[in-house]
């Protein structure tokens, strides 16, 4: 079996790395807001609190 090696464009690799990093960072921020925030950042009233509370139940995180 032959292995074909192609040289990729370094700017494409850098752009892909940037996008992957941004997606991972966004995922961690969303996980924090849903799982651990408890209203410290999301001070928009009971609607946001209840939405995050339901998200914690959906993910199986302890909340009370």
PDB file of N, CA and C in Angstrom:
ATOM      1  N   UNK A   1       0.847  -1.171   0.000  1.00  0.00           N
ATOM      2  CA  UNK A   1       0.000   0.000   0.000  1.00  0.00           C
ATOM      3  C   UNK A   1       0.894   1.235   0.000  1.00  0.00           C
ATOM      4  N   UNK A   2       0.613   2.158  -0.860  1.00  0.00           N
ATOM      5  CA  UNK A   2       1.418   3.368  -0.983  1.00  0.00           C
ATOM      6  C   UNK A   2       0.802   4.490  -0.153  1.00  0.00           C
ATOM      7  N   UNK A   3       1.663   5.295   0.413  1.00  0.00           N
ATOM      8  CA  UNK A   3       1.225   6.457   1.173  1.00  0.00           C
ATOM      9  C   UNK A   3       1.541   7.703   0.373  1.00  0.00           C
ATOM     10  N   UNK A   4       0.544   8.525   0.168  1.00  0.00           N
ATOM     11  CA  UNK A   4       0.724   9.760  -0.591  1.00  0.00           C
ATOM     12  C   UNK A   4       0.805  10.913   0.393  1.00  0.00           C
ATOM     13  N   UNK A   5       1.876  11.674   0.313  1.00  0.00           N
ATOM     14  CA  UNK A   5       2.075  12.820   1.190  1.00  0.00           C
ATOM     15  C   UNK A   5       1.952  14.080   0.347  1.00  0.00           C
ATOM     16  N   UNK A   6       1.039  14.950   0.746  1.00  0.00           N
ATOM     17  CA  UNK A   6       0.893  16.229   0.049  1.00  0.00           C
ATOM     18  C   UNK A   6       1.192  17.346   1.021  1.00  0.00           C
ATOM     19  N   UNK A   7       1.820  18.365   0.524  1.00  0.00           N
ATOM     20  CA  UNK A   7       2.120  19.518   1.359  1.00  0.00           C
ATOM     21  C   UNK A   7       0.913  20.437   1.373  1.00  0.00           C
ATOM     22  N   UNK A   8       0.451  20.761   2.575  1.00  0.00           N
ATOM     23  CA  UNK A   8      -0.692  21.650   2.711  1.00  0.00           C
ATOM     24  C   UNK A   8      -0.239  23.093   2.791  1.00  0.00           C
ATOM     25  N   UNK A   9      -1.151  23.952   2.561  1.00  0.00           N
ATOM     26  CA  UNK A   9      -0.880  25.376   2.650  1.00  0.00           C
ATOM     27  C   UNK A   9      -0.828  25.768   4.120  1.00  0.00           C
ATOM     28  N   UNK A  10       0.217  26.471   4.537  1.00  0.00           N
ATOM     29  CA  UNK A  10       0.366  26.817   5.951  1.00  0.00           C
ATOM     30  C   UNK A  10      -0.693  27.812   6.411  1.00  0.00           C
ATOM     31  N   UNK A  11      -1.168  28.674   5.514  1.00  0.00           N
ATOM     32  CA  UNK A  11      -2.220  29.605   5.928  1.00  0.00           C
ATOM     33  C   UNK A  11      -3.537  28.876   6.141  1.00  0.00           C
ATOM     34  N   UNK A  12      -3.789  27.823   5.363  1.00  0.00           N
ATOM     35  CA  UNK A  12      -5.004  27.028   5.588  1.00  0.00           C
ATOM     36  C   UNK A  12      -4.923  26.306   6.927  1.00  0.00           C
ATOM     37  N   UNK A  13      -3.752  25.801   7.252  1.00  0.00           N
ATOM     38  CA  UNK A  13      -3.570  25.116   8.531  1.00  0.00           C
ATOM     39  C   UNK A  13      -3.727  26.088   9.691  1.00  0.00           C
ATOM     40  N   UNK A  14      -3.184  27.279   9.551  1.00  0.00           N
ATOM     41  CA  UNK A  14      -3.302  28.285  10.604  1.00  0.00           C
ATOM     42  C   UNK A  14      -4.754  28.728  10.768  1.00  0.00           C
ATOM     43  N   UNK A  15      -5.460  28.889   9.662  1.00  0.00           N
ATOM     44  CA  UNK A  15      -6.867  29.286   9.731  1.00  0.00           C
ATOM     45  C   UNK A  15      -7.698  28.191  10.385  1.00  0.00           C
ATOM     46  N   UNK A  16      -7.424  26.950  10.036  1.00  0.00           N
ATOM     47  CA  UNK A  16      -8.142  25.831  10.641  1.00  0.00           C
ATOM     48  C   UNK A  16      -7.869  25.763  12.138  1.00  0.00           C
ATOM     49  N   UNK A  17      -6.623  25.961  12.527  1.00  0.00           N
ATOM     50  CA  UNK A  17      -6.269  25.951  13.949  1.00  0.00           C
ATOM     51  C   UNK A  17      -6.976  27.079  14.689  1.00  0.00           C
ATOM     52  N   UNK A  18      -7.088  28.242  14.069  1.00  0.00           N
ATOM     53  CA  UNK A  18      -7.780  29.374  14.682  1.00  0.00           C
ATOM     54  C   UNK A  18      -9.267  29.080  14.858  1.00  0.00           C
ATOM     55  N   UNK A  19      -9.887  28.495  13.848  1.00  0.00           N
ATOM     56  CA  UNK A  19     -11.307  28.163  13.931  1.00  0.00           C
ATOM     57  C   UNK A  19     -11.555  27.106  15.001  1.00  0.00           C
ATOM     58  N   UNK A  20     -10.722  26.089  15.042  1.00  0.00           N
ATOM     59  CA  UNK A  20     -10.875  25.034  16.053  1.00  0.00           C
ATOM     60  C   UNK A  20     -10.707  25.610  17.447  1.00  0.00           C
ATOM     61  N   UNK A  21      -9.735  26.483  17.640  1.00  0.00           N
ATOM     62  CA  UNK A  21      -9.525  27.125  18.941  1.00  0.00           C
ATOM     63  C   UNK A  21     -10.728  27.974  19.340  1.00  0.00           C
ATOM     64  N   UNK A  22     -11.278  28.724  18.391  1.00  0.00           N
ATOM     65  CA  UNK A  22     -12.444  29.562  18.686  1.00  0.00           C
ATOM     66  C   UNK A  22     -13.656  28.713  19.052  1.00  0.00           C
ATOM     67  N   UNK A  23     -13.865  27.613  18.361  1.00  0.00           N
ATOM     68  CA  UNK A  23     -15.004  26.738  18.660  1.00  0.00           C
ATOM     69  C   UNK A  23     -14.844  26.103  20.042  1.00  0.00           C
ATOM     70  N   UNK A  24     -13.640  25.672  20.373  1.00  0.00           N
ATOM     71  CA  UNK A  24     -13.406  25.082  21.694  1.00  0.00           C
ATOM     72  C   UNK A  24     -13.610  26.113  22.787  1.00  0.00           C
ATOM     73  N   UNK A  25     -13.120  27.323  22.590  1.00  0.00           N
ATOM     74  CA  UNK A  25     -13.305  28.391  23.572  1.00  0.00           C
ATOM     75  C   UNK A  25     -14.785  28.709  23.752  1.00  0.00           C
ATOM     76  N   UNK A  26     -15.526  28.801  22.660  1.00  0.00           N
ATOM     77  CA  UNK A  26     -16.961  29.051  22.744  1.00  0.00           C
ATOM     78  C   UNK A  26     -17.674  27.919  23.474  1.00  0.00           C
ATOM     79  N   UNK A  27     -17.263  26.678  23.231  1.00  0.00           N
ATOM     80  CA  UNK A  27     -17.880  25.540  23.912  1.00  0.00           C
ATOM     81  C   UNK A  27     -17.630  25.611  25.418  1.00  0.00           C
ATOM     82  N   UNK A  28     -16.420  25.987  25.823  1.00  0.00           N
ATOM     83  CA  UNK A  28     -16.131  26.118  27.252  1.00  0.00           C
ATOM     84  C   UNK A  28     -16.937  27.248  27.888  1.00  0.00           C
ATOM     85  N   UNK A  29     -17.113  28.347  27.186  1.00  0.00           N
ATOM     86  CA  UNK A  29     -17.908  29.454  27.713  1.00  0.00           C
ATOM     87  C   UNK A  29     -19.361  29.033  27.885  1.00  0.00           C
ATOM     88  N   UNK A  30     -19.906  28.351  26.893  1.00  0.00           N
ATOM     89  CA  UNK A  30     -21.292  27.874  26.995  1.00  0.00           C
ATOM     90  C   UNK A  30     -21.428  26.864  28.126  1.00  0.00           C
ATOM     91  N   UNK A  31     -20.465  25.945  28.253  1.00  0.00           N
ATOM     92  CA  UNK A  31     -20.507  24.979  29.342  1.00  0.00           C
ATOM     93  C   UNK A  31     -20.463  25.671  30.694  1.00  0.00           C
ATOM     94  N   UNK A  32     -19.640  26.703  30.835  1.00  0.00           N
ATOM     95  CA  UNK A  32     -19.592  27.449  32.094  1.00  0.00           C
ATOM     96  C   UNK A  32     -20.919  28.122  32.376  1.00  0.00           C
ATOM     97  N   UNK A  33     -21.470  28.817  31.381  1.00  0.00           N
ATOM     98  CA  UNK A  33     -22.723  29.539  31.599  1.00  0.00           C
ATOM     99  C   UNK A  33     -23.865  28.599  31.953  1.00  0.00           C
ATOM    100  N   UNK A  34     -23.945  27.465  31.288  1.00  0.00           N
ATOM    101  CA  UNK A  34     -25.037  26.532  31.558  1.00  0.00           C
ATOM    102  C   UNK A  34     -24.778  25.741  32.834  1.00  0.00           C
ATOM    103  N   UNK A  35     -23.556  25.298  33.029  1.00  0.00           N
ATOM    104  CA  UNK A  35     -23.291  24.383  34.124  1.00  0.00           C
ATOM    105  C   UNK A  35     -22.923  24.993  35.450  1.00  0.00           C
ATOM    106  N   UNK A  36     -22.232  26.126  35.447  1.00  0.00           N
ATOM    107  CA  UNK A  36     -21.654  26.593  36.698  1.00  0.00           C
ATOM    108  C   UNK A  36     -21.943  28.041  37.043  1.00  0.00           C
ATOM    109  N   UNK A  37     -22.597  28.785  36.193  1.00  0.00           N
ATOM    110  CA  UNK A  37     -22.762  30.221  36.379  1.00  0.00           C
ATOM    111  C   UNK A  37     -23.624  30.554  37.588  1.00  0.00           C
ATOM    112  N   UNK A  38     -24.761  29.908  37.739  1.00  0.00           N
ATOM    113  CA  UNK A  38     -25.702  30.147  38.839  1.00  0.00           C
ATOM    114  C   UNK A  38     -26.131  31.613  38.945  1.00  0.00           C
ATOM    115  N   UNK A  39     -26.140  32.334  37.844  1.00  0.00           N
ATOM    116  CA  UNK A  39     -26.614  33.711  37.831  1.00  0.00           C
ATOM    117  C   UNK A  39     -25.556  34.763  38.061  1.00  0.00           C
ATOM    118  N   UNK A  40     -24.287  34.396  38.221  1.00  0.00           N
ATOM    119  CA  UNK A  40     -23.243  35.380  38.486  1.00  0.00           C
ATOM    120  C   UNK A  40     -23.010  36.287  37.285  1.00  0.00           C
ATOM    121  N   UNK A  41     -23.045  35.732  36.082  1.00  0.00           N
ATOM    122  CA  UNK A  41     -22.846  36.536  34.876  1.00  0.00           C
ATOM    123  C   UNK A  41     -24.172  36.822  34.188  1.00  0.00           C
ATOM    124  N   UNK A  42     -25.037  35.831  34.122  1.00  0.00           N
ATOM    125  CA  UNK A  42     -26.302  35.977  33.397  1.00  0.00           C
ATOM    126  C   UNK A  42     -27.365  36.598  34.298  1.00  0.00           C
ATOM    127  N   UNK A  43     -27.231  37.875  34.573  1.00  0.00           N
ATOM    128  CA  UNK A  43     -28.157  38.580  35.459  1.00  0.00           C
ATOM    129  C   UNK A  43     -29.308  39.205  34.676  1.00  0.00           C
ATOM    130  N   UNK A  44     -29.996  38.388  33.904  1.00  0.00           N
ATOM    131  CA  UNK A  44     -31.091  38.935  33.105  1.00  0.00           C
ATOM    132  C   UNK A  44     -32.448  38.494  33.615  1.00  0.00           C
ATOM    133  N   UNK A  45     -32.550  38.199  34.874  1.00  0.00           N
ATOM    134  CA  UNK A  45     -33.841  37.858  35.450  1.00  0.00           C
ATOM    135  C   UNK A  45     -34.063  36.363  35.565  1.00  0.00           C
ATOM    136  N   UNK A  46     -35.258  36.015  35.969  1.00  0.00           N
ATOM    137  CA  UNK A  46     -35.597  34.619  36.215  1.00  0.00           C
ATOM    138  C   UNK A  46     -35.675  33.795  34.940  1.00  0.00           C
ATOM    139  N   UNK A  47     -35.977  34.423  33.801  1.00  0.00           N
ATOM    140  CA  UNK A  47     -36.074  33.678  32.546  1.00  0.00           C
ATOM    141  C   UNK A  47     -34.742  33.002  32.222  1.00  0.00           C
ATOM    142  N   UNK A  48     -33.666  33.754  32.289  1.00  0.00           N
ATOM    143  CA  UNK A  48     -32.350  33.191  31.976  1.00  0.00           C
ATOM    144  C   UNK A  48     -31.941  32.173  33.038  1.00  0.00           C
ATOM    145  N   UNK A  49     -32.268  32.449  34.295  1.00  0.00           N
ATOM    146  CA  UNK A  49     -31.934  31.515  35.368  1.00  0.00           C
ATOM    147  C   UNK A  49     -32.628  30.173  35.152  1.00  0.00           C
ATOM    148  N   UNK A  50     -33.905  30.215  34.814  1.00  0.00           N
ATOM    149  CA  UNK A  50     -34.648  28.976  34.587  1.00  0.00           C
ATOM    150  C   UNK A  50     -34.155  28.247  33.343  1.00  0.00           C
ATOM    151  N   UNK A  51     -33.794  28.985  32.296  1.00  0.00           N
ATOM    152  CA  UNK A  51     -33.263  28.365  31.087  1.00  0.00           C
ATOM    153  C   UNK A  51     -31.956  27.632  31.393  1.00  0.00           C
ATOM    154  N   UNK A  52     -31.066  28.268  32.148  1.00  0.00           N
ATOM    155  CA  UNK A  52     -29.806  27.640  32.509  1.00  0.00           C
ATOM    156  C   UNK A  52     -30.035  26.464  33.456  1.00  0.00           C
ATOM    157  N   UNK A  53     -31.016  26.587  34.339  1.00  0.00           N
ATOM    158  CA  UNK A  53     -31.342  25.507  35.268  1.00  0.00           C
ATOM    159  C   UNK A  53     -31.801  24.271  34.507  1.00  0.00           C
ATOM    160  N   UNK A  54     -32.642  24.470  33.511  1.00  0.00           N
ATOM    161  CA  UNK A  54     -33.091  23.348  32.686  1.00  0.00           C
ATOM    162  C   UNK A  54     -31.937  22.752  31.892  1.00  0.00           C
ATOM    163  N   UNK A  55     -31.011  23.595  31.451  1.00  0.00           N
ATOM    164  CA  UNK A  55     -29.835  23.103  30.746  1.00  0.00           C
ATOM    165  C   UNK A  55     -28.963  22.235  31.635  1.00  0.00           C
ATOM    166  N   UNK A  56     -28.845  22.607  32.911  1.00  0.00           N
ATOM    167  CA  UNK A  56     -28.067  21.785  33.844  1.00  0.00           C
ATOM    168  C   UNK A  56     -28.717  20.422  34.021  1.00  0.00           C
ATOM    169  N   UNK A  57     -30.040  20.395  34.133  1.00  0.00           N
ATOM    170  CA  UNK A  57     -30.726  19.108  34.239  1.00  0.00           C
ATOM    171  C   UNK A  57     -30.536  18.282  32.977  1.00  0.00           C
ATOM    172  N   UNK A  58     -30.599  18.920  31.814  1.00  0.00           N
ATOM    173  CA  UNK A  58     -30.438  18.220  30.548  1.00  0.00           C
ATOM    174  C   UNK A  58     -29.055  17.589  30.419  1.00  0.00           C
ATOM    175  N   UNK A  59     -28.018  18.293  30.903  1.00  0.00           N
ATOM    176  CA  UNK A  59     -26.651  17.779  30.820  1.00  0.00           C
ATOM    177  C   UNK A  59     -26.287  16.831  31.974  1.00  0.00           C
ATOM    178  N   UNK A  60     -27.161  16.722  32.966  1.00  0.00           N
ATOM    179  CA  UNK A  60     -26.885  15.845  34.091  1.00  0.00           C
ATOM    180  C   UNK A  60     -25.948  16.448  35.111  1.00  0.00           C
ATOM    181  N   UNK A  61     -25.799  17.765  35.115  1.00  0.00           N
ATOM    182  CA  UNK A  61     -24.931  18.428  36.091  1.00  0.00           C
ATOM    183  C   UNK A  61     -25.712  18.662  37.389  1.00  0.00           C
ATOM    184  N   UNK A  62     -25.050  18.580  38.519  1.00  0.00           N
ATOM    185  CA  UNK A  62     -25.750  18.843  39.787  1.00  0.00           C
ATOM    186  C   UNK A  62     -26.054  20.333  39.911  1.00  0.00           C
ATOM    187  N   UNK A  63     -27.255  20.635  40.368  1.00  0.00           N
ATOM    188  CA  UNK A  63     -27.592  22.050  40.516  1.00  0.00           C
ATOM    189  C   UNK A  63     -28.314  22.345  41.819  1.00  0.00           C
ATOM    190  N   UNK A  64     -28.834  21.330  42.493  1.00  0.00           N
ATOM    191  CA  UNK A  64     -29.436  21.559  43.811  1.00  0.00           C
ATOM    192  C   UNK A  64     -29.545  20.265  44.557  1.00  0.00           C
TER     193      UNK A  64
END
